Amino acid sequence: QVQLVESGGGLVQPGGSLRLSCAASGIILSNYNMGWYRQAPGKQRELVARSIGGGSTNYADSVKGRFTISRDNAKITVYLQMNSLEAEDTAVYYCNAQNRLTGYNNWGQGTQVTVSS
């Protein structure tokens, strides 16, 4: 059974930084594409960053140069380092694990990030 548990969210001032963590269990990380998505109130869930199993990454245009996704296969954990945070980054952030073979998606419960002065 795949389980994803996010942590690291909170309240931060504009320009600040946060690091989100997604601790996974029940999977071999290298067999999965891992991603971070976010959903702001009244908006659809959107891709923020994704780490493909082979090592490549891609980012939403709005976060390029500010956010970095990384993974630790040994710890079965994926991170999202968020710098230069803006009010527009306020959202619930969700960890996603997509099985590279089947395409099946697994989701965490989400962690709230609020950027406000």
PDB file of N, CA and C in Angstrom:
ATOM      1  N   GLN A   1       0.852  -1.189   0.000  1.00  0.00           N
ATOM      2  CA  GLN A   1       0.000   0.000   0.000  1.00  0.00           C
ATOM      3  C   GLN A   1       0.891   1.243   0.000  1.00  0.00           C
ATOM      4  N   VAL A   2       0.643   2.109  -0.979  1.00  0.00           N
ATOM      5  CA  VAL A   2       1.434   3.328  -1.102  1.00  0.00           C
ATOM      6  C   VAL A   2       0.920   4.378  -0.122  1.00  0.00           C
ATOM      7  N   GLN A   3       1.817   4.985   0.588  1.00  0.00           N
ATOM      8  CA  GLN A   3       1.433   6.063   1.496  1.00  0.00           C
ATOM      9  C   GLN A   3       2.405   7.223   1.307  1.00  0.00           C
ATOM     10  N   LEU A   4       1.845   8.422   1.196  1.00  0.00           N
ATOM     11  CA  LEU A   4       2.636   9.632   1.033  1.00  0.00           C
ATOM     12  C   LEU A   4       2.252  10.592   2.145  1.00  0.00           C
ATOM     13  N   VAL A   5       3.244  11.092   2.865  1.00  0.00           N
ATOM     14  CA  VAL A   5       2.973  11.996   3.980  1.00  0.00           C
ATOM     15  C   VAL A   5       3.806  13.260   3.792  1.00  0.00           C
ATOM     16  N   GLU A   6       3.095  14.378   3.580  1.00  0.00           N
ATOM     17  CA  GLU A   6       3.777  15.656   3.394  1.00  0.00           C
ATOM     18  C   GLU A   6       3.999  16.345   4.735  1.00  0.00           C
ATOM     19  N   SER A   7       5.029  17.158   4.785  1.00  0.00           N
ATOM     20  CA  SER A   7       5.298  17.984   5.962  1.00  0.00           C
ATOM     21  C   SER A   7       6.098  19.193   5.525  1.00  0.00           C
ATOM     22  N   GLY A   8       6.180  20.173   6.412  1.00  0.00           N
ATOM     23  CA  GLY A   8       7.011  21.340   6.150  1.00  0.00           C
ATOM     24  C   GLY A   8       6.260  22.591   5.765  1.00  0.00           C
ATOM     25  N   GLY A   9       4.960  22.494   5.614  1.00  0.00           N
ATOM     26  CA  GLY A   9       4.198  23.685   5.282  1.00  0.00           C
ATOM     27  C   GLY A   9       4.088  24.622   6.466  1.00  0.00           C
ATOM     28  N   GLY A  10       3.542  25.799   6.216  1.00  0.00           N
ATOM     29  CA  GLY A  10       3.377  26.764   7.294  1.00  0.00           C
ATOM     30  C   GLY A  10       3.178  28.159   6.760  1.00  0.00           C
ATOM     31  N   LEU A  11       3.316  29.112   7.648  1.00  0.00           N
ATOM     32  CA  LEU A  11       3.169  30.529   7.318  1.00  0.00           C
ATOM     33  C   LEU A  11       4.553  31.149   7.163  1.00  0.00           C
ATOM     34  N   VAL A  12       4.745  31.865   6.068  1.00  0.00           N
ATOM     35  CA  VAL A  12       6.040  32.496   5.811  1.00  0.00           C
ATOM     36  C   VAL A  12       5.795  33.859   5.179  1.00  0.00           C
ATOM     37  N   GLN A  13       6.690  34.769   5.415  1.00  0.00           N
ATOM     38  CA  GLN A  13       6.565  36.102   4.834  1.00  0.00           C
ATOM     39  C   GLN A  13       7.009  36.096   3.371  1.00  0.00           C
ATOM     40  N   PRO A  14       6.517  37.014   2.588  1.00  0.00           N
ATOM     41  CA  PRO A  14       6.989  37.130   1.192  1.00  0.00           C
ATOM     42  C   PRO A  14       8.508  37.266   1.150  1.00  0.00           C
ATOM     43  N   GLY A  15       9.112  36.539   0.215  1.00  0.00           N
ATOM     44  CA  GLY A  15      10.564  36.518   0.108  1.00  0.00           C
ATOM     45  C   GLY A  15      11.223  35.429   0.917  1.00  0.00           C
ATOM     46  N   GLY A  16      10.465  34.776   1.764  1.00  0.00           N
ATOM     47  CA  GLY A  16      11.001  33.732   2.612  1.00  0.00           C
ATOM     48  C   GLY A  16      11.111  32.387   1.901  1.00  0.00           C
ATOM     49  N   SER A  17      11.527  31.386   2.675  1.00  0.00           N
ATOM     50  CA  SER A  17      11.746  30.047   2.127  1.00  0.00           C
ATOM     51  C   SER A  17      11.079  28.991   2.997  1.00  0.00           C
ATOM     52  N   LEU A  18      10.723  27.906   2.358  1.00  0.00           N
ATOM     53  CA  LEU A  18      10.231  26.714   3.044  1.00  0.00           C
ATOM     54  C   LEU A  18      10.741  25.499   2.296  1.00  0.00           C
ATOM     55  N   ARG A  19      10.880  24.412   3.013  1.00  0.00           N
ATOM     56  CA  ARG A  19      11.190  23.136   2.366  1.00  0.00           C
ATOM     57  C   ARG A  19      10.114  22.127   2.738  1.00  0.00           C
ATOM     58  N   LEU A  20       9.442  21.642   1.727  1.00  0.00           N
ATOM     59  CA  LEU A  20       8.442  20.599   1.922  1.00  0.00           C
ATOM     60  C   LEU A  20       9.092  19.234   1.771  1.00  0.00           C
ATOM     61  N   SER A  21       8.601  18.293   2.553  1.00  0.00           N
ATOM     62  CA  SER A  21       9.061  16.917   2.449  1.00  0.00           C
ATOM     63  C   SER A  21       7.883  16.006   2.196  1.00  0.00           C
ATOM     64  N   CYS A  22       8.133  14.958   1.437  1.00  0.00           N
ATOM     65  CA  CYS A  22       7.125  13.930   1.181  1.00  0.00           C
ATOM     66  C   CYS A  22       7.770  12.592   1.480  1.00  0.00           C
ATOM     67  N   ALA A  23       7.387  12.004   2.602  1.00  0.00           N
ATOM     68  CA  ALA A  23       7.905  10.700   2.982  1.00  0.00           C
ATOM     69  C   ALA A  23       6.999   9.629   2.405  1.00  0.00           C
ATOM     70  N   ALA A  24       7.578   8.768   1.601  1.00  0.00           N
ATOM     71  CA  ALA A  24       6.805   7.728   0.936  1.00  0.00           C
ATOM     72  C   ALA A  24       7.082   6.372   1.568  1.00  0.00           C
ATOM     73  N   SER A  25       6.092   5.513   1.501  1.00  0.00           N
ATOM     74  CA  SER A  25       6.261   4.130   1.932  1.00  0.00           C
ATOM     75  C   SER A  25       5.486   3.243   0.979  1.00  0.00           C
ATOM     76  N   GLY A  26       5.922   2.010   0.903  1.00  0.00           N
ATOM     77  CA  GLY A  26       5.231   1.055   0.039  1.00  0.00           C
ATOM     78  C   GLY A  26       5.651   1.124  -1.413  1.00  0.00           C
ATOM     79  N   ILE A  27       6.696   1.893  -1.720  1.00  0.00           N
ATOM     80  CA  ILE A  27       7.147   2.004  -3.105  1.00  0.00           C
ATOM     81  C   ILE A  27       8.666   1.960  -3.172  1.00  0.00           C
ATOM     82  N   ILE A  28       9.160   1.665  -4.369  1.00  0.00           N
ATOM     83  CA  ILE A  28      10.570   1.885  -4.689  1.00  0.00           C
ATOM     84  C   ILE A  28      10.615   3.176  -5.484  1.00  0.00           C
ATOM     85  N   LEU A  29      11.242   4.182  -4.934  1.00  0.00           N
ATOM     86  CA  LEU A  29      11.121   5.535  -5.473  1.00  0.00           C
ATOM     87  C   LEU A  29      11.542   5.622  -6.936  1.00  0.00           C
ATOM     88  N   SER A  30      12.541   4.858  -7.315  1.00  0.00           N
ATOM     89  CA  SER A  30      13.039   4.946  -8.682  1.00  0.00           C
ATOM     90  C   SER A  30      12.028   4.426  -9.701  1.00  0.00           C
ATOM     91  N   ASN A  31      11.011   3.717  -9.252  1.00  0.00           N
ATOM     92  CA  ASN A  31       9.974   3.208 -10.146  1.00  0.00           C
ATOM     93  C   ASN A  31       8.836   4.210 -10.341  1.00  0.00           C
ATOM     94  N   TYR A  32       8.981   5.367  -9.717  1.00  0.00           N
ATOM     95  CA  TYR A  32       7.900   6.349  -9.745  1.00  0.00           C
ATOM     96  C   TYR A  32       8.386   7.715 -10.209  1.00  0.00           C
ATOM     97  N   ASN A  33       7.536   8.383 -10.965  1.00  0.00           N
ATOM     98  CA  ASN A  33       7.699   9.807 -11.184  1.00  0.00           C
ATOM     99  C   ASN A  33       7.085  10.495  -9.970  1.00  0.00           C
ATOM    100  N   MET A  34       7.824  11.436  -9.398  1.00  0.00           N
ATOM    101  CA  MET A  34       7.359  12.113  -8.195  1.00  0.00           C
ATOM    102  C   MET A  34       7.109  13.584  -8.504  1.00  0.00           C
ATOM    103  N   GLY A  35       6.034  14.091  -7.971  1.00  0.00           N
ATOM    104  CA  GLY A  35       5.709  15.476  -8.262  1.00  0.00           C
ATOM    105  C   GLY A  35       5.091  16.201  -7.087  1.00  0.00           C
ATOM    106  N   TRP A  36       5.131  17.502  -7.179  1.00  0.00           N
ATOM    107  CA  TRP A  36       4.423  18.376  -6.246  1.00  0.00           C
ATOM    108  C   TRP A  36       3.389  19.162  -7.041  1.00  0.00           C
ATOM    109  N   TYR A  37       2.185  19.154  -6.539  1.00  0.00           N
ATOM    110  CA  TYR A  37       1.092  19.924  -7.108  1.00  0.00           C
ATOM    111  C   TYR A  37       0.585  20.872  -6.026  1.00  0.00           C
ATOM    112  N   ARG A  38      -0.166  21.868  -6.464  1.00  0.00           N
ATOM    113  CA  ARG A  38      -0.776  22.763  -5.481  1.00  0.00           C
ATOM    114  C   ARG A  38      -2.168  23.169  -5.938  1.00  0.00           C
ATOM    115  N   GLN A  39      -2.976  23.520  -4.958  1.00  0.00           N
ATOM    116  CA  GLN A  39      -4.331  23.971  -5.248  1.00  0.00           C
ATOM    117  C   GLN A  39      -4.656  25.143  -4.348  1.00  0.00           C
ATOM    118  N   ALA A  40      -4.892  26.275  -4.965  1.00  0.00           N
ATOM    119  CA  ALA A  40      -5.293  27.478  -4.233  1.00  0.00           C
ATOM    120  C   ALA A  40      -6.817  27.527  -4.179  1.00  0.00           C
ATOM    121  N   PRO A  41      -7.373  28.247  -3.220  1.00  0.00           N
ATOM    122  CA  PRO A  41      -8.832  28.331  -3.105  1.00  0.00           C
ATOM    123  C   PRO A  41      -9.470  28.806  -4.397  1.00  0.00           C
ATOM    124  N   GLY A  42     -10.465  28.072  -4.860  1.00  0.00           N
ATOM    125  CA  GLY A  42     -11.184  28.449  -6.067  1.00  0.00           C
ATOM    126  C   GLY A  42     -10.469  28.141  -7.365  1.00  0.00           C
ATOM    127  N   LYS A  43      -9.321  27.484  -7.273  1.00  0.00           N
ATOM    128  CA  LYS A  43      -8.553  27.175  -8.471  1.00  0.00           C
ATOM    129  C   LYS A  43      -8.363  25.678  -8.616  1.00  0.00           C
ATOM    130  N   GLN A  44      -8.009  25.268  -9.833  1.00  0.00           N
ATOM    131  CA  GLN A  44      -7.749  23.856 -10.068  1.00  0.00           C
ATOM    132  C   GLN A  44      -6.359  23.477  -9.556  1.00  0.00           C
ATOM    133  N   ARG A  45      -6.202  22.211  -9.273  1.00  0.00           N
ATOM    134  CA  ARG A  45      -4.897  21.709  -8.873  1.00  0.00           C
ATOM    135  C   ARG A  45      -3.945  21.833 -10.068  1.00  0.00           C
ATOM    136  N   GLU A  46      -2.731  22.289  -9.803  1.00  0.00           N
ATOM    137  CA  GLU A  46      -1.771  22.480 -10.876  1.00  0.00           C
ATOM    138  C   GLU A  46      -0.427  21.864 -10.516  1.00  0.00           C
ATOM    139  N   LEU A  47       0.294  21.453 -11.559  1.00  0.00           N
ATOM    140  CA  LEU A  47       1.624  20.915 -11.364  1.00  0.00           C
ATOM    141  C   LEU A  47       2.583  22.031 -10.990  1.00  0.00           C
ATOM    142  N   VAL A  48       3.393  21.787  -9.972  1.00  0.00           N
ATOM    143  CA  VAL A  48       4.425  22.732  -9.574  1.00  0.00           C
ATOM    144  C   VAL A  48       5.786  22.256 -10.060  1.00  0.00           C
ATOM    145  N   ALA A  49       6.109  21.011  -9.751  1.00  0.00           N
ATOM    146  CA  ALA A  49       7.411  20.462 -10.127  1.00  0.00           C
ATOM    147  C   ALA A  49       7.297  18.950 -10.186  1.00  0.00           C
ATOM    148  N   ARG A  50       8.110  18.373 -11.069  1.00  0.00           N
ATOM    149  CA  ARG A  50       8.064  16.930 -11.195  1.00  0.00           C
ATOM    150  C   ARG A  50       9.470  16.381 -11.408  1.00  0.00           C
ATOM    151  N   SER A  51       9.719  15.258 -10.797  1.00  0.00           N
ATOM    152  CA  SER A  51      10.989  14.562 -10.946  1.00  0.00           C
ATOM    153  C   SER A  51      10.701  13.228 -11.600  1.00  0.00           C
ATOM    154  N   ILE A  52      11.215  13.077 -12.816  1.00  0.00           N
ATOM    155  CA  ILE A  52      11.000  11.850 -13.562  1.00  0.00           C
ATOM    156  C   ILE A  52      11.951  10.783 -13.024  1.00  0.00           C
ATOM    157  N   GLY A  53      11.513   9.522 -13.064  1.00  0.00           N
ATOM    158  CA  GLY A  53      12.280   8.460 -12.441  1.00  0.00           C
ATOM    159  C   GLY A  53      13.745   8.424 -12.858  1.00  0.00           C
ATOM    160  N   GLY A  54      13.996   8.742 -14.124  1.00  0.00           N
ATOM    161  CA  GLY A  54      15.365   8.708 -14.623  1.00  0.00           C
ATOM    162  C   GLY A  54      16.218   9.878 -14.217  1.00  0.00           C
ATOM    163  N   GLY A  55      15.626  10.900 -13.610  1.00  0.00           N
ATOM    164  CA  GLY A  55      16.429  11.995 -13.109  1.00  0.00           C
ATOM    165  C   GLY A  55      16.089  13.362 -13.636  1.00  0.00           C
ATOM    166  N   SER A  56      15.384  13.471 -14.751  1.00  0.00           N
ATOM    167  CA  SER A  56      15.061  14.810 -15.257  1.00  0.00           C
ATOM    168  C   SER A  56      13.959  15.443 -14.426  1.00  0.00           C
ATOM    169  N   THR A  57      13.880  16.755 -14.502  1.00  0.00           N
ATOM    170  CA  THR A  57      12.875  17.503 -13.756  1.00  0.00           C
ATOM    171  C   THR A  57      12.197  18.518 -14.655  1.00  0.00           C
ATOM    172  N   ASN A  58      10.985  18.879 -14.295  1.00  0.00           N
ATOM    173  CA  ASN A  58      10.354  20.013 -14.964  1.00  0.00           C
ATOM    174  C   ASN A  58       9.531  20.800 -13.956  1.00  0.00           C
ATOM    175  N   TYR A  59       9.329  22.074 -14.291  1.00  0.00           N
ATOM    176  CA  TYR A  59       8.712  23.021 -13.371  1.00  0.00           C
ATOM    177  C   TYR A  59       7.664  23.860 -14.080  1.00  0.00           C
ATOM    178  N   ALA A  60       6.689  24.292 -13.308  1.00  0.00           N
ATOM    179  CA  ALA A  60       5.761  25.291 -13.816  1.00  0.00           C
ATOM    180  C   ALA A  60       6.537  26.590 -14.054  1.00  0.00           C
ATOM    181  N   ASP A  61       6.153  27.322 -15.075  1.00  0.00           N
ATOM    182  CA  ASP A  61       6.848  28.564 -15.393  1.00  0.00           C
ATOM    183  C   ASP A  61       6.867  29.519 -14.202  1.00  0.00           C
ATOM    184  N   SER A  62       5.809  29.507 -13.427  1.00  0.00           N
ATOM    185  CA  SER A  62       5.676  30.458 -12.329  1.00  0.00           C
ATOM    186  C   SER A  62       6.671  30.221 -11.189  1.00  0.00           C
ATOM    187  N   VAL A  63       7.275  29.039 -11.157  1.00  0.00           N
ATOM    188  CA  VAL A  63       8.190  28.722 -10.046  1.00  0.00           C
ATOM    189  C   VAL A  63       9.621  28.482 -10.507  1.00  0.00           C
ATOM    190  N   LYS A  64       9.849  28.507 -11.807  1.00  0.00           N
ATOM    191  CA  LYS A  64      11.205  28.271 -12.317  1.00  0.00           C
ATOM    192  C   LYS A  64      12.183  29.272 -11.723  1.00  0.00           C
ATOM    193  N   GLY A  65      13.311  28.758 -11.281  1.00  0.00           N
ATOM    194  CA  GLY A  65      14.333  29.607 -10.682  1.00  0.00           C
ATOM    195  C   GLY A  65      14.122  29.852  -9.205  1.00  0.00           C
ATOM    196  N   ARG A  66      12.961  29.484  -8.686  1.00  0.00           N
ATOM    197  CA  ARG A  66      12.670  29.701  -7.256  1.00  0.00           C
ATOM    198  C   ARG A  66      12.499  28.394  -6.491  1.00  0.00           C
ATOM    199  N   PHE A  67      11.932  27.398  -7.158  1.00  0.00           N
ATOM    200  CA  PHE A  67      11.663  26.119  -6.504  1.00  0.00           C
ATOM    201  C   PHE A  67      12.588  25.051  -7.070  1.00  0.00           C
ATOM    202  N   THR A  68      12.934  24.088  -6.209  1.00  0.00           N
ATOM    203  CA  THR A  68      13.759  22.967  -6.642  1.00  0.00           C
ATOM    204  C   THR A  68      13.208  21.677  -6.054  1.00  0.00           C
ATOM    205  N   ILE A  69      12.961  20.709  -6.932  1.00  0.00           N
ATOM    206  CA  ILE A  69      12.520  19.396  -6.481  1.00  0.00           C
ATOM    207  C   ILE A  69      13.729  18.468  -6.439  1.00  0.00           C
ATOM    208  N   SER A  70      13.761  17.635  -5.412  1.00  0.00           N
ATOM    209  CA  SER A  70      14.844  16.664  -5.301  1.00  0.00           C
ATOM    210  C   SER A  70      14.301  15.416  -4.622  1.00  0.00           C
ATOM    211  N   ARG A  71      15.039  14.338  -4.769  1.00  0.00           N
ATOM    212  CA  ARG A  71      14.603  13.092  -4.157  1.00  0.00           C
ATOM    213  C   ARG A  71      15.786  12.391  -3.530  1.00  0.00           C
ATOM    214  N   ASP A  72      15.491  11.661  -2.466  1.00  0.00           N
ATOM    215  CA  ASP A  72      16.470  10.806  -1.816  1.00  0.00           C
ATOM    216  C   ASP A  72      15.911   9.398  -1.879  1.00  0.00           C
ATOM    217  N   ASN A  73      16.410   8.613  -2.817  1.00  0.00           N
ATOM    218  CA  ASN A  73      15.855   7.265  -3.013  1.00  0.00           C
ATOM    219  C   ASN A  73      16.077   6.379  -1.796  1.00  0.00           C
ATOM    220  N   ALA A  74      17.179   6.580  -1.099  1.00  0.00           N
ATOM    221  CA  ALA A  74      17.453   5.750   0.071  1.00  0.00           C
ATOM    222  C   ALA A  74      16.471   6.038   1.202  1.00  0.00           C
ATOM    223  N   LYS A  75      16.124   7.316   1.365  1.00  0.00           N
ATOM    224  CA  LYS A  75      15.177   7.696   2.418  1.00  0.00           C
ATOM    225  C   LYS A  75      13.734   7.642   1.928  1.00  0.00           C
ATOM    226  N   ILE A  76      13.556   7.360   0.657  1.00  0.00           N
ATOM    227  CA  ILE A  76      12.228   7.316   0.037  1.00  0.00           C
ATOM    228  C   ILE A  76      11.486   8.616   0.328  1.00  0.00           C
ATOM    229  N   THR A  77      12.167   9.706   0.081  1.00  0.00           N
ATOM    230  CA  THR A  77      11.628  11.026   0.395  1.00  0.00           C
ATOM    231  C   THR A  77      11.881  11.971  -0.767  1.00  0.00           C
ATOM    232  N   VAL A  78      10.900  12.807  -1.024  1.00  0.00           N
ATOM    233  CA  VAL A  78      11.000  13.822  -2.062  1.00  0.00           C
ATOM    234  C   VAL A  78      10.852  15.185  -1.393  1.00  0.00           C
ATOM    235  N   TYR A  79      11.617  16.136  -1.865  1.00  0.00           N
ATOM    236  CA  TYR A  79      11.621  17.459  -1.268  1.00  0.00           C
ATOM    237  C   TYR A  79      11.227  18.523  -2.287  1.00  0.00           C
ATOM    238  N   LEU A  80      10.709  19.606  -1.783  1.00  0.00           N
ATOM    239  CA  LEU A  80      10.490  20.784  -2.610  1.00  0.00           C
ATOM    240  C   LEU A  80      11.044  21.982  -1.853  1.00  0.00           C
ATOM    241  N   GLN A  81      12.169  22.483  -2.309  1.00  0.00           N
ATOM    242  CA  GLN A  81      12.752  23.691  -1.725  1.00  0.00           C
ATOM    243  C   GLN A  81      12.134  24.891  -2.408  1.00  0.00           C
ATOM    244  N   MET A  82      11.525  25.751  -1.630  1.00  0.00           N
ATOM    245  CA  MET A  82      10.826  26.908  -2.171  1.00  0.00           C
ATOM    246  C   MET A  82      11.481  28.181  -1.642  1.00  0.00           C
ATOM    247  N   ASN A  83      12.022  28.959  -2.537  1.00  0.00           N
ATOM    248  CA  ASN A  83      12.673  30.217  -2.175  1.00  0.00           C
ATOM    249  C   ASN A  83      11.929  31.388  -2.801  1.00  0.00           C
ATOM    250  N   SER A  84      12.203  32.570  -2.293  1.00  0.00           N
ATOM    251  CA  SER A  84      11.586  33.795  -2.816  1.00  0.00           C
ATOM    252  C   SER A  84      10.080  33.641  -2.938  1.00  0.00           C
ATOM    253  N   LEU A  85       9.483  33.170  -1.883  1.00  0.00           N
ATOM    254  CA  LEU A  85       8.046  32.894  -1.914  1.00  0.00           C
ATOM    255  C   LEU A  85       7.237  34.168  -2.097  1.00  0.00           C
ATOM    256  N   GLU A  86       6.139  34.015  -2.817  1.00  0.00           N
ATOM    257  CA  GLU A  86       5.240  35.111  -3.134  1.00  0.00           C
ATOM    258  C   GLU A  86       3.838  34.776  -2.625  1.00  0.00           C
ATOM    259  N   ALA A  87       3.033  35.794  -2.462  1.00  0.00           N
ATOM    260  CA  ALA A  87       1.663  35.570  -1.995  1.00  0.00           C
ATOM    261  C   ALA A  87       0.917  34.602  -2.912  1.00  0.00           C
ATOM    262  N   GLU A  88       1.254  34.658  -4.190  1.00  0.00           N
ATOM    263  CA  GLU A  88       0.586  33.786  -5.171  1.00  0.00           C
ATOM    264  C   GLU A  88       0.955  32.315  -5.003  1.00  0.00           C
ATOM    265  N   ASP A  89       1.954  32.036  -4.184  1.00  0.00           N
ATOM    266  CA  ASP A  89       2.321  30.644  -3.929  1.00  0.00           C
ATOM    267  C   ASP A  89       1.463  30.022  -2.834  1.00  0.00           C
ATOM    268  N   THR A  90       0.621  30.814  -2.206  1.00  0.00           N
ATOM    269  CA  THR A  90      -0.254  30.306  -1.157  1.00  0.00           C
ATOM    270  C   THR A  90      -1.198  29.252  -1.727  1.00  0.00           C
ATOM    271  N   ALA A  91      -1.182  28.070  -1.122  1.00  0.00           N
ATOM    272  CA  ALA A  91      -1.993  26.952  -1.608  1.00  0.00           C
ATOM    273  C   ALA A  91      -1.778  25.749  -0.703  1.00  0.00           C
ATOM    274  N   VAL A  92      -2.581  24.746  -0.922  1.00  0.00           N
ATOM    275  CA  VAL A  92      -2.307  23.429  -0.343  1.00  0.00           C
ATOM    276  C   VAL A  92      -1.424  22.679  -1.337  1.00  0.00           C
ATOM    277  N   TYR A  93      -0.312  22.178  -0.857  1.00  0.00           N
ATOM    278  CA  TYR A  93       0.649  21.472  -1.698  1.00  0.00           C
ATOM    279  C   TYR A  93       0.507  19.966  -1.480  1.00  0.00           C
ATOM    280  N   TYR A  94       0.417  19.249  -2.594  1.00  0.00           N
ATOM    281  CA  TYR A  94       0.207  17.816  -2.563  1.00  0.00           C
ATOM    282  C   TYR A  94       1.385  17.086  -3.204  1.00  0.00           C
ATOM    283  N   CYS A  95       1.769  16.006  -2.576  1.00  0.00           N
ATOM    284  CA  CYS A  95       2.785  15.127  -3.149  1.00  0.00           C
ATOM    285  C   CYS A  95       2.087  14.090  -4.032  1.00  0.00           C
ATOM    286  N   ASN A  96       2.705  13.794  -5.154  1.00  0.00           N
ATOM    287  CA  ASN A  96       2.154  12.821  -6.104  1.00  0.00           C
ATOM    288  C   ASN A  96       3.217  11.801  -6.461  1.00  0.00           C
ATOM    289  N   ALA A  97       2.803  10.554  -6.499  1.00  0.00           N
ATOM    290  CA  ALA A  97       3.683   9.471  -6.959  1.00  0.00           C
ATOM    291  C   ALA A  97       2.964   8.745  -8.087  1.00  0.00           C
ATOM    292  N   GLN A  98       3.552   8.796  -9.260  1.00  0.00           N
ATOM    293  CA  GLN A  98       2.954   8.152 -10.426  1.00  0.00           C
ATOM    294  C   GLN A  98       3.774   6.926 -10.815  1.00  0.00           C
ATOM    295  N   ASN A  99       3.125   5.780 -10.817  1.00  0.00           N
ATOM    296  CA  ASN A  99       3.794   4.550 -11.203  1.00  0.00           C
ATOM    297  C   ASN A  99       4.221   4.644 -12.664  1.00  0.00           C
ATOM    298  N   ARG A 100       5.486   4.489 -12.928  1.00  0.00           N
ATOM    299  CA  ARG A 100       6.000   4.676 -14.293  1.00  0.00           C
ATOM    300  C   ARG A 100       5.510   3.591 -15.235  1.00  0.00           C
ATOM    301  N   LEU A 101       5.127   2.447 -14.689  1.00  0.00           N
ATOM    302  CA  LEU A 101       4.675   1.346 -15.541  1.00  0.00           C
ATOM    303  C   LEU A 101       3.180   1.434 -15.830  1.00  0.00           C
ATOM    304  N   THR A 102       2.389   1.695 -14.807  1.00  0.00           N
ATOM    305  CA  THR A 102       0.930   1.665 -14.949  1.00  0.00           C
ATOM    306  C   THR A 102       0.311   3.041 -15.132  1.00  0.00           C
ATOM    307  N   GLY A 103       1.047   4.086 -14.734  1.00  0.00           N
ATOM    308  CA  GLY A 103       0.501   5.436 -14.779  1.00  0.00           C
ATOM    309  C   GLY A 103      -0.401   5.771 -13.615  1.00  0.00           C
ATOM    310  N   TYR A 104      -0.583   4.862 -12.700  1.00  0.00           N
ATOM    311  CA  TYR A 104      -1.483   5.097 -11.574  1.00  0.00           C
ATOM    312  C   TYR A 104      -0.891   6.172 -10.662  1.00  0.00           C
ATOM    313  N   ASN A 105      -1.780   7.071 -10.220  1.00  0.00           N
ATOM    314  CA  ASN A 105      -1.369   8.176  -9.369  1.00  0.00           C
ATOM    315  C   ASN A 105      -1.761   7.943  -7.912  1.00  0.00           C
ATOM    316  N   ASN A 106      -0.832   8.243  -7.034  1.00  0.00           N
ATOM    317  CA  ASN A 106      -1.080   8.230  -5.598  1.00  0.00           C
ATOM    318  C   ASN A 106      -0.864   9.644  -5.068  1.00  0.00           C
ATOM    319  N   TRP A 107      -1.677  10.017  -4.072  1.00  0.00           N
ATOM    320  CA  TRP A 107      -1.633  11.377  -3.545  1.00  0.00           C
ATOM    321  C   TRP A 107      -1.464  11.383  -2.032  1.00  0.00           C
ATOM    322  N   GLY A 108      -0.761  12.404  -1.558  1.00  0.00           N
ATOM    323  CA  GLY A 108      -0.708  12.650  -0.132  1.00  0.00           C
ATOM    324  C   GLY A 108      -1.915  13.468   0.306  1.00  0.00           C
ATOM    325  N   GLN A 109      -1.948  13.779   1.595  1.00  0.00           N
ATOM    326  CA  GLN A 109      -3.104  14.485   2.149  1.00  0.00           C
ATOM    327  C   GLN A 109      -2.985  15.997   1.984  1.00  0.00           C
ATOM    328  N   GLY A 110      -1.798  16.472   1.659  1.00  0.00           N
ATOM    329  CA  GLY A 110      -1.588  17.899   1.434  1.00  0.00           C
ATOM    330  C   GLY A 110      -1.045  18.617   2.652  1.00  0.00           C
ATOM    331  N   THR A 111      -0.322  19.694   2.387  1.00  0.00           N
ATOM    332  CA  THR A 111       0.184  20.549   3.458  1.00  0.00           C
ATOM    333  C   THR A 111      -0.018  22.011   3.044  1.00  0.00           C
ATOM    334  N   GLN A 112      -0.489  22.804   3.975  1.00  0.00           N
ATOM    335  CA  GLN A 112      -0.825  24.192   3.669  1.00  0.00           C
ATOM    336  C   GLN A 112       0.414  25.072   3.692  1.00  0.00           C
ATOM    337  N   VAL A 113       0.562  25.872   2.649  1.00  0.00           N
ATOM    338  CA  VAL A 113       1.598  26.901   2.588  1.00  0.00           C
ATOM    339  C   VAL A 113       0.901  28.253   2.452  1.00  0.00           C
ATOM    340  N   THR A 114       1.197  29.142   3.369  1.00  0.00           N
ATOM    341  CA  THR A 114       0.610  30.482   3.339  1.00  0.00           C
ATOM    342  C   THR A 114       1.727  31.509   3.336  1.00  0.00           C
ATOM    343  N   VAL A 115       1.709  32.349   2.322  1.00  0.00           N
ATOM    344  CA  VAL A 115       2.716  33.406   2.195  1.00  0.00           C
ATOM    345  C   VAL A 115       2.015  34.736   2.438  1.00  0.00           C
ATOM    346  N   SER A 116       2.354  35.340   3.550  1.00  0.00           N
ATOM    347  CA  SER A 116       1.663  36.572   3.938  1.00  0.00           C
ATOM    348  C   SER A 116       2.522  37.357   4.920  1.00  0.00           C
ATOM    349  N   SER A 117       2.385  38.676   4.839  1.00  0.00           N
ATOM    350  CA  SER A 117       3.087  39.529   5.792  1.00  0.00           C
ATOM    351  C   SER A 117       2.184  39.853   6.977  1.00  0.00           C
TER     352      SER A 117
END
